[in-house]
C-alpha atoms as a PDB file:
ATOM      1  CA  MET A   1      -0.029   0.023  -0.046  1.00  0.00           C
ATOM      2  CA  SER A   2       1.360   3.416  -0.973  1.00  0.00           C
ATOM      3  CA  TYR A   3       0.497   6.794   0.851  1.00  0.00           C
ATOM      4  CA  VAL A   4       0.618  10.419  -0.301  1.00  0.00           C
ATOM      5  CA  PHE A   5       3.113  10.958   2.659  1.00  0.00           C
ATOM      6  CA  PRO A   6       4.936   8.920   5.101  1.00  0.00           C
ATOM      7  CA  PRO A   7       2.659   7.905   8.089  1.00  0.00           C
ATOM      8  CA  PRO A   8       3.971   8.786  11.457  1.00  0.00           C
ATOM      9  CA  ALA A   9       5.183   6.037  13.510  1.00  0.00           C
ATOM     10  CA  PRO A  10       2.835   4.874  16.193  1.00  0.00           C
ATOM     11  CA  VAL A  11       2.612   6.719  19.482  1.00  0.00           C
ATOM     12  CA  SER A  12       3.815   4.438  22.159  1.00  0.00           C
ATOM     13  CA  VAL A  13       4.549   4.102  25.918  1.00  0.00           C
ATOM     14  CA  PRO A  14       7.262   1.889  27.545  1.00  0.00           C
ATOM     15  CA  VAL A  15       6.281  -1.065  29.825  1.00  0.00           C
ATOM     16  CA  VAL A  16       8.101  -1.834  33.187  1.00  0.00           C
ATOM     17  CA  GLY A  17      10.250  -4.763  32.579  1.00  0.00           C
ATOM     18  CA  GLN A  18       9.560  -5.126  28.853  1.00  0.00           C
ATOM     19  CA  ALA A  19      11.171  -4.317  25.747  1.00  0.00           C
ATOM     20  CA  ALA A  20       7.858  -4.172  23.910  1.00  0.00           C
ATOM     21  CA  ARG A  21       6.146  -0.932  24.261  1.00  0.00           C
ATOM     22  CA  PHE A  22       2.183  -0.091  24.475  1.00  0.00           C
ATOM     23  CA  ALA A  23       0.919   1.366  21.261  1.00  0.00           C
ATOM     24  CA  VAL A  24      -1.603   4.259  22.187  1.00  0.00           C
ATOM     25  CA  HIS A  25      -5.186   3.981  20.099  1.00  0.00           C
ATOM     26  CA  ARG A  26      -7.155   6.789  21.846  1.00  0.00           C
ATOM     27  CA  ILE A  27      -6.908   8.860  24.986  1.00  0.00           C
ATOM     28  CA  TYR A  28     -10.222   9.177  27.178  1.00  0.00           C
ATOM     29  CA  CYS A  29     -10.530  11.562  30.011  1.00  0.00           C
ATOM     30  CA  VAL A  30     -13.104  11.550  32.837  1.00  0.00           C
ATOM     31  CA  GLY A  31     -14.138  14.931  34.177  1.00  0.00           C
ATOM     32  CA  ARG A  32     -14.514  15.891  37.788  1.00  0.00           C
ATOM     33  CA  ASN A  33     -14.163  12.038  39.179  1.00  0.00           C
ATOM     34  CA  TYR A  34     -13.069  13.192  42.772  1.00  0.00           C
ATOM     35  CA  GLU A  35     -15.616  14.904  44.963  1.00  0.00           C
ATOM     36  CA  ASP A  36     -13.207  17.774  46.508  1.00  0.00           C
ATOM     37  CA  HIS A  37     -12.028  18.319  42.955  1.00  0.00           C
ATOM     38  CA  ALA A  38     -15.598  18.834  41.674  1.00  0.00           C
ATOM     39  CA  LYS A  39     -16.174  21.260  44.641  1.00  0.00           C
ATOM     40  CA  GLU A  40     -13.020  23.535  43.659  1.00  0.00           C
ATOM     41  CA  MET A  41     -14.503  23.561  40.230  1.00  0.00           C
ATOM     42  CA  GLY A  42     -17.860  24.782  41.525  1.00  0.00           C
ATOM     43  CA  HIS A  43     -19.767  21.534  41.334  1.00  0.00           C
ATOM     44  CA  THR A  44     -21.070  19.160  44.047  1.00  0.00           C
ATOM     45  CA  GLY A  45     -22.649  15.655  44.147  1.00  0.00           C
ATOM     46  CA  ARG A  46     -22.242  12.428  42.208  1.00  0.00           C
ATOM     47  CA  GLU A  47     -23.119  13.529  38.842  1.00  0.00           C
ATOM     48  CA  ALA A  48     -23.263  11.011  35.957  1.00  0.00           C
ATOM     49  CA  PRO A  49     -19.695  10.444  34.685  1.00  0.00           C
ATOM     50  CA  PHE A  50     -18.711  12.568  31.519  1.00  0.00           C
ATOM     51  CA  PHE A  51     -15.790  12.074  29.182  1.00  0.00           C
ATOM     52  CA  PHE A  52     -13.779  13.950  26.681  1.00  0.00           C
ATOM     53  CA  LEU A  53     -10.783  12.903  24.262  1.00  0.00           C
ATOM     54  CA  LYS A  54      -7.351  14.075  23.555  1.00  0.00           C
ATOM     55  CA  PRO A  55      -5.401  13.114  20.514  1.00  0.00           C
ATOM     56  CA  ALA A  56      -3.099  10.098  20.715  1.00  0.00           C
ATOM     57  CA  ASP A  57      -0.068  12.254  19.926  1.00  0.00           C
ATOM     58  CA  ALA A  58      -0.870  14.432  22.916  1.00  0.00           C
ATOM     59  CA  VAL A  59       0.920  11.940  24.921  1.00  0.00           C
ATOM     60  CA  LEU A  60       4.438  13.164  26.248  1.00  0.00           C
ATOM     61  CA  VAL A  61       6.295  10.072  27.445  1.00  0.00           C
ATOM     62  CA  ALA A  62       8.540  10.078  30.228  1.00  0.00           C
ATOM     63  CA  GLU A  63      11.168   7.332  29.308  1.00  0.00           C
ATOM     64  CA  ALA A  64      12.388   5.224  32.401  1.00  0.00           C
ATOM     65  CA  GLY A  65      14.523   7.548  34.710  1.00  0.00           C
ATOM     66  CA  SER A  66      14.088  10.563  32.584  1.00  0.00           C
ATOM     67  CA  THR A  67      12.325  13.932  32.916  1.00  0.00           C
ATOM     68  CA  ALA A  68      10.238  14.611  30.018  1.00  0.00           C
ATOM     69  CA  VAL A  69      10.280  18.131  28.828  1.00  0.00           C
ATOM     70  CA  MET A  70       6.941  20.036  28.271  1.00  0.00           C
ATOM     71  CA  PRO A  71       7.044  23.088  26.001  1.00  0.00           C
ATOM     72  CA  TYR A  72       4.842  25.772  27.648  1.00  0.00           C
ATOM     73  CA  PRO A  73       1.871  25.765  25.175  1.00  0.00           C
ATOM     74  CA  THR A  74       0.706  28.713  23.249  1.00  0.00           C
ATOM     75  CA  LEU A  75      -2.405  30.900  23.757  1.00  0.00           C
ATOM     76  CA  THR A  76      -2.442  30.534  27.392  1.00  0.00           C
ATOM     77  CA  SER A  77      -1.224  32.221  30.628  1.00  0.00           C
ATOM     78  CA  ASN A  78      -2.963  29.701  32.996  1.00  0.00           C
ATOM     79  CA  LEU A  79      -1.390  26.246  32.476  1.00  0.00           C
ATOM     80  CA  HIS A  80      -2.812  23.779  34.977  1.00  0.00           C
ATOM     81  CA  HIS A  81      -1.743  20.426  36.432  1.00  0.00           C
ATOM     82  CA  GLU A  82      -4.204  17.647  37.112  1.00  0.00           C
ATOM     83  CA  ILE A  83      -2.486  14.248  38.474  1.00  0.00           C
ATOM     84  CA  GLU A  84      -4.420  11.185  37.288  1.00  0.00           C
ATOM     85  CA  LEU A  85      -4.309   7.515  37.350  1.00  0.00           C
ATOM     86  CA  VAL A  86      -4.035   6.096  33.778  1.00  0.00           C
ATOM     87  CA  VAL A  87      -5.880   2.742  33.015  1.00  0.00           C
ATOM     88  CA  ALA A  88      -4.327   0.976  30.000  1.00  0.00           C
ATOM     89  CA  ILE A  89      -6.821  -1.117  28.069  1.00  0.00           C
ATOM     90  CA  GLY A  90      -5.212  -4.550  26.657  1.00  0.00           C
ATOM     91  CA  VAL A  91      -8.563  -6.297  25.518  1.00  0.00           C
ATOM     92  CA  GLY A  92     -11.259  -4.146  23.731  1.00  0.00           C
ATOM     93  CA  GLY A  93     -15.075  -4.437  23.946  1.00  0.00           C
ATOM     94  CA  SER A  94     -18.237  -2.692  24.245  1.00  0.00           C
ATOM     95  CA  GLN A  95     -20.971  -2.791  26.669  1.00  0.00           C
ATOM     96  CA  ILE A  96     -18.346  -4.071  29.235  1.00  0.00           C
ATOM     97  CA  LYS A  97     -19.962  -4.863  32.741  1.00  0.00           C
ATOM     98  CA  ALA A  98     -18.254  -3.529  35.579  1.00  0.00           C
ATOM     99  CA  ALA A  99     -17.903  -7.014  36.989  1.00  0.00           C
ATOM    100  CA  ASP A 100     -15.753  -7.941  33.989  1.00  0.00           C
ATOM    101  CA  ALA A 101     -13.852  -4.804  33.599  1.00  0.00           C
ATOM    102  CA  HIS A 102     -10.645  -6.175  35.242  1.00  0.00           C
ATOM    103  CA  GLN A 103     -10.401  -8.546  32.357  1.00  0.00           C
ATOM    104  CA  HIS A 104      -9.848  -5.681  29.839  1.00  0.00           C
ATOM    105  CA  ILE A 105      -7.134  -3.820  31.788  1.00  0.00           C
ATOM    106  CA  TYR A 106      -3.373  -4.386  30.719  1.00  0.00           C
ATOM    107  CA  GLY A 107      -1.987  -2.011  33.326  1.00  0.00           C
ATOM    108  CA  TYR A 108      -1.588   1.450  34.966  1.00  0.00           C
ATOM    109  CA  ALA A 109       0.565   4.459  34.638  1.00  0.00           C
ATOM    110  CA  VAL A 110       0.758   8.068  36.426  1.00  0.00           C
ATOM    111  CA  GLY A 111      -0.398  10.655  34.008  1.00  0.00           C
ATOM    112  CA  LEU A 112      -1.156  14.281  33.893  1.00  0.00           C
ATOM    113  CA  ASP A 113      -4.100  15.946  32.377  1.00  0.00           C
ATOM    114  CA  MET A 114      -2.525  19.348  31.499  1.00  0.00           C
ATOM    115  CA  THR A 115      -5.227  21.833  30.770  1.00  0.00           C
ATOM    116  CA  ARG A 116      -5.124  25.776  29.328  1.00  0.00           C
ATOM    117  CA  ARG A 117      -7.578  26.626  32.104  1.00  0.00           C
ATOM    118  CA  ASP A 118      -8.175  30.092  30.831  1.00  0.00           C
ATOM    119  CA  LEU A 119      -9.137  28.752  27.303  1.00  0.00           C
ATOM    120  CA  GLN A 120     -11.116  26.076  28.891  1.00  0.00           C
ATOM    121  CA  ASN A 121     -12.906  28.644  31.237  1.00  0.00           C
ATOM    122  CA  ASP A 122     -13.867  30.917  28.097  1.00  0.00           C
ATOM    123  CA  MET A 123     -15.197  28.054  26.110  1.00  0.00           C
ATOM    124  CA  LYS A 124     -17.422  27.251  29.072  1.00  0.00           C
ATOM    125  CA  LYS A 125     -18.845  30.588  29.340  1.00  0.00           C
ATOM    126  CA  GLN A 126     -19.535  30.533  25.554  1.00  0.00           C
ATOM    127  CA  GLY A 127     -21.129  27.188  25.801  1.00  0.00           C
ATOM    128  CA  ARG A 128     -18.841  25.799  23.174  1.00  0.00           C
ATOM    129  CA  PRO A 129     -16.666  22.633  23.286  1.00  0.00           C
ATOM    130  CA  TRP A 130     -13.354  23.018  25.265  1.00  0.00           C
ATOM    131  CA  CYS A 131     -11.125  20.911  23.155  1.00  0.00           C
ATOM    132  CA  ILE A 132      -8.669  23.837  22.953  1.00  0.00           C
ATOM    133  CA  GLY A 133      -8.156  23.767  26.605  1.00  0.00           C
ATOM    134  CA  LYS A 134      -7.655  19.972  26.901  1.00  0.00           C
ATOM    135  CA  GLY A 135      -6.368  18.536  23.606  1.00  0.00           C
ATOM    136  CA  PHE A 136      -3.184  20.427  22.751  1.00  0.00           C
ATOM    137  CA  ASP A 137       0.167  19.359  22.078  1.00  0.00           C
ATOM    138  CA  HIS A 138       2.001  17.615  24.843  1.00  0.00           C
ATOM    139  CA  SER A 139      -1.038  17.733  27.070  1.00  0.00           C
ATOM    140  CA  ALA A 140      -1.060  14.193  28.110  1.00  0.00           C
ATOM    141  CA  PRO A 141       2.307  13.281  29.970  1.00  0.00           C
ATOM    142  CA  ILE A 142       2.660   9.814  31.067  1.00  0.00           C
ATOM    143  CA  GLY A 143       5.267   7.587  32.919  1.00  0.00           C
ATOM    144  CA  LEU A 144       5.771   3.678  32.494  1.00  0.00           C
ATOM    145  CA  ILE A 145       2.961   1.333  32.268  1.00  0.00           C
ATOM    146  CA  THR A 146       2.914  -1.174  35.171  1.00  0.00           C
ATOM    147  CA  PRO A 147       1.123  -4.514  34.298  1.00  0.00           C
ATOM    148  CA  THR A 148      -1.999  -5.047  36.408  1.00  0.00           C
ATOM    149  CA  ALA A 149      -0.327  -8.272  38.253  1.00  0.00           C
ATOM    150  CA  GLN A 150       2.327  -6.011  39.745  1.00  0.00           C
ATOM    151  CA  VAL A 151      -0.017  -3.654  41.303  1.00  0.00           C
ATOM    152  CA  PRO A 152      -3.045  -5.740  43.045  1.00  0.00           C
ATOM    153  CA  ASP A 153      -3.633  -2.776  45.488  1.00  0.00           C
ATOM    154  CA  ILE A 154      -4.183  -0.159  42.917  1.00  0.00           C
ATOM    155  CA  ALA A 155      -7.602   0.746  43.847  1.00  0.00           C
ATOM    156  CA  GLN A 156      -6.463   1.847  47.404  1.00  0.00           C
ATOM    157  CA  ALA A 157      -3.040   3.731  46.284  1.00  0.00           C
ATOM    158  CA  GLU A 158      -2.078   7.023  47.291  1.00  0.00           C
ATOM    159  CA  ILE A 159      -1.956   9.492  44.417  1.00  0.00           C
ATOM    160  CA  ALA A 160       0.069  12.798  44.892  1.00  0.00           C
ATOM    161  CA  LEU A 161       1.733  15.598  42.777  1.00  0.00           C
ATOM    162  CA  GLN A 162       4.689  17.942  43.911  1.00  0.00           C
ATOM    163  CA  VAL A 163       5.566  21.029  42.066  1.00  0.00           C
ATOM    164  CA  ASN A 164       9.419  21.977  42.653  1.00  0.00           C
ATOM    165  CA  GLY A 165       9.140  19.486  45.851  1.00  0.00           C
ATOM    166  CA  ILE A 166       6.214  21.068  47.311  1.00  0.00           C
ATOM    167  CA  ASP A 167       2.896  19.314  47.649  1.00  0.00           C
ATOM    168  CA  ARG A 168       0.120  20.415  45.259  1.00  0.00           C
ATOM    169  CA  GLN A 169      -2.235  17.305  45.301  1.00  0.00           C
ATOM    170  CA  ARG A 170      -2.487  14.300  47.586  1.00  0.00           C
ATOM    171  CA  SER A 171      -5.347  11.798  47.927  1.00  0.00           C
ATOM    172  CA  THR A 172      -6.153   8.202  47.222  1.00  0.00           C
ATOM    173  CA  VAL A 173      -7.342   6.323  44.084  1.00  0.00           C
ATOM    174  CA  ALA A 174     -10.273   4.926  46.556  1.00  0.00           C
ATOM    175  CA  LYS A 175     -11.782   8.440  46.589  1.00  0.00           C
ATOM    176  CA  LEU A 176     -12.809   8.157  43.035  1.00  0.00           C
ATOM    177  CA  ILE A 177     -16.462   9.033  42.571  1.00  0.00           C
ATOM    178  CA  TRP A 178     -16.811   6.422  39.670  1.00  0.00           C
ATOM    179  CA  ASN A 179     -14.145   3.613  40.070  1.00  0.00           C
ATOM    180  CA  MET A 180     -12.175   2.132  37.468  1.00  0.00           C
ATOM    181  CA  ALA A 181     -14.630  -0.675  36.602  1.00  0.00           C
ATOM    182  CA  GLU A 182     -17.577   1.602  36.681  1.00  0.00           C
ATOM    183  CA  THR A 183     -15.977   4.008  34.302  1.00  0.00           C
ATOM    184  CA  ILE A 184     -15.130   1.060  31.947  1.00  0.00           C
ATOM    185  CA  GLU A 185     -18.807   0.202  32.049  1.00  0.00           C
ATOM    186  CA  GLN A 186     -20.004   3.597  31.045  1.00  0.00           C
ATOM    187  CA  LEU A 187     -17.162   4.428  28.621  1.00  0.00           C
ATOM    188  CA  SER A 188     -17.708   1.095  26.653  1.00  0.00           C
ATOM    189  CA  ALA A 189     -21.320   2.103  26.569  1.00  0.00           C
ATOM    190  CA  ALA A 190     -20.557   4.976  24.440  1.00  0.00           C
ATOM    191  CA  TRP A 191     -17.472   3.731  22.529  1.00  0.00           C
ATOM    192  CA  THR A 192     -15.940   0.405  21.644  1.00  0.00           C
ATOM    193  CA  LEU A 193     -12.984   0.127  23.574  1.00  0.00           C
ATOM    194  CA  GLN A 194      -9.749  -1.096  21.761  1.00  0.00           C
ATOM    195  CA  PRO A 195      -6.542  -2.493  22.826  1.00  0.00           C
ATOM    196  CA  GLY A 196      -4.212   0.622  23.186  1.00  0.00           C
ATOM    197  CA  ASP A 197      -6.617   2.977  24.713  1.00  0.00           C
ATOM    198  CA  LEU A 198      -5.604   5.024  27.672  1.00  0.00           C
ATOM    199  CA  ILE A 199      -8.037   6.221  30.304  1.00  0.00           C
ATOM    200  CA  TYR A 200      -7.187   9.046  32.248  1.00  0.00           C
ATOM    201  CA  THR A 201      -9.493   8.564  35.331  1.00  0.00           C
ATOM    202  CA  GLY A 202      -9.781  11.998  36.966  1.00  0.00           C
ATOM    203  CA  THR A 203      -7.745  14.342  39.298  1.00  0.00           C
ATOM    204  CA  PRO A 204      -7.989  14.870  43.124  1.00  0.00           C
ATOM    205  CA  GLU A 205      -8.421  18.564  44.546  1.00  0.00           C
ATOM    206  CA  GLY A 206      -5.460  20.910  44.573  1.00  0.00           C
ATOM    207  CA  VAL A 207      -5.068  21.649  40.759  1.00  0.00           C
ATOM    208  CA  GLY A 208      -3.265  25.038  39.969  1.00  0.00           C
ATOM    209  CA  ALA A 209      -1.032  26.706  37.717  1.00  0.00           C
ATOM    210  CA  VAL A 210       2.654  26.051  36.795  1.00  0.00           C
ATOM    211  CA  VAL A 211       5.116  28.223  34.866  1.00  0.00           C
ATOM    212  CA  ARG A 212       8.227  27.741  32.989  1.00  0.00           C
ATOM    213  CA  GLY A 213      11.011  26.216  34.961  1.00  0.00           C
ATOM    214  CA  ASP A 214       8.747  24.282  37.281  1.00  0.00           C
ATOM    215  CA  THR A 215       9.281  20.524  37.627  1.00  0.00           C
ATOM    216  CA  LEU A 216       6.296  18.452  38.320  1.00  0.00           C
ATOM    217  CA  THR A 217       6.672  15.074  40.111  1.00  0.00           C
ATOM    218  CA  GLY A 218       3.699  12.798  40.219  1.00  0.00           C
ATOM    219  CA  THR A 219       3.422   9.419  42.112  1.00  0.00           C
ATOM    220  CA  ILE A 220       0.856   6.824  42.473  1.00  0.00           C
ATOM    221  CA  ALA A 221       1.764   3.968  45.019  1.00  0.00           C
ATOM    222  CA  GLY A 222       3.384   1.014  43.151  1.00  0.00           C
ATOM    223  CA  LEU A 223       3.816   2.738  39.905  1.00  0.00           C
ATOM    224  CA  GLN A 224       6.853   4.476  38.205  1.00  0.00           C
ATOM    225  CA  THR A 225       7.079   8.136  39.128  1.00  0.00           C
ATOM    226  CA  LEU A 226       6.351  10.611  36.528  1.00  0.00           C
ATOM    227  CA  GLN A 227       8.636  13.547  36.162  1.00  0.00           C
ATOM    228  CA  VAL A 228       7.939  16.610  33.740  1.00  0.00           C
ATOM    229  CA  ARG A 229       9.773  19.951  33.525  1.00  0.00           C
ATOM    230  CA  VAL A 230       7.859  22.805  31.876  1.00  0.00           C
ATOM    231  CA  GLU A 231      10.095  25.018  29.657  1.00  0.00           C
END
């Protein structure tokens, strides 16, 4: 088969203990999935889950032992961090029941849903889609994926983000409003999940701005640390 121009190489994420990499298909994100974060964004209660997408090539990979470099994005003066547990799908499907969701999970990683908050807020006020606030280049930093068998207690894990060594966000995965299995059930009712899909499951309270020169360190107990420097 020929192409009018050479297709780009697949976007991929390294896997702990393996030479083979995880090829990314789509990036799904869950909005307002921790109660205290929902409150800080002006919302309350356990609302029905909602989703937005980022392009697969929004991934910014922090290779093993390295710090990923994120260029400060254009058009914004209010770039926010959102630390998240990322679920990597290994077996696709639609209409997946929560009780069966674990069979579809390949592994987990630490991720950041970086957000041009000023652009997002502007779009919200105008009632327009806020893709420009979420789906920009390098907006989905991610660390190494750890296979499920190596993190049996992930549902209770501590999740935290430090900026220049100072705590910004700290919570536990157990505080997800919609847990991972429920999220997969809801998501797979709307889309057919595919191997290679990444699900950014939501962020706890404490989101805030970062500037050029800041170093972000994201941790989730049992997973590889994610470190990103904004330039």
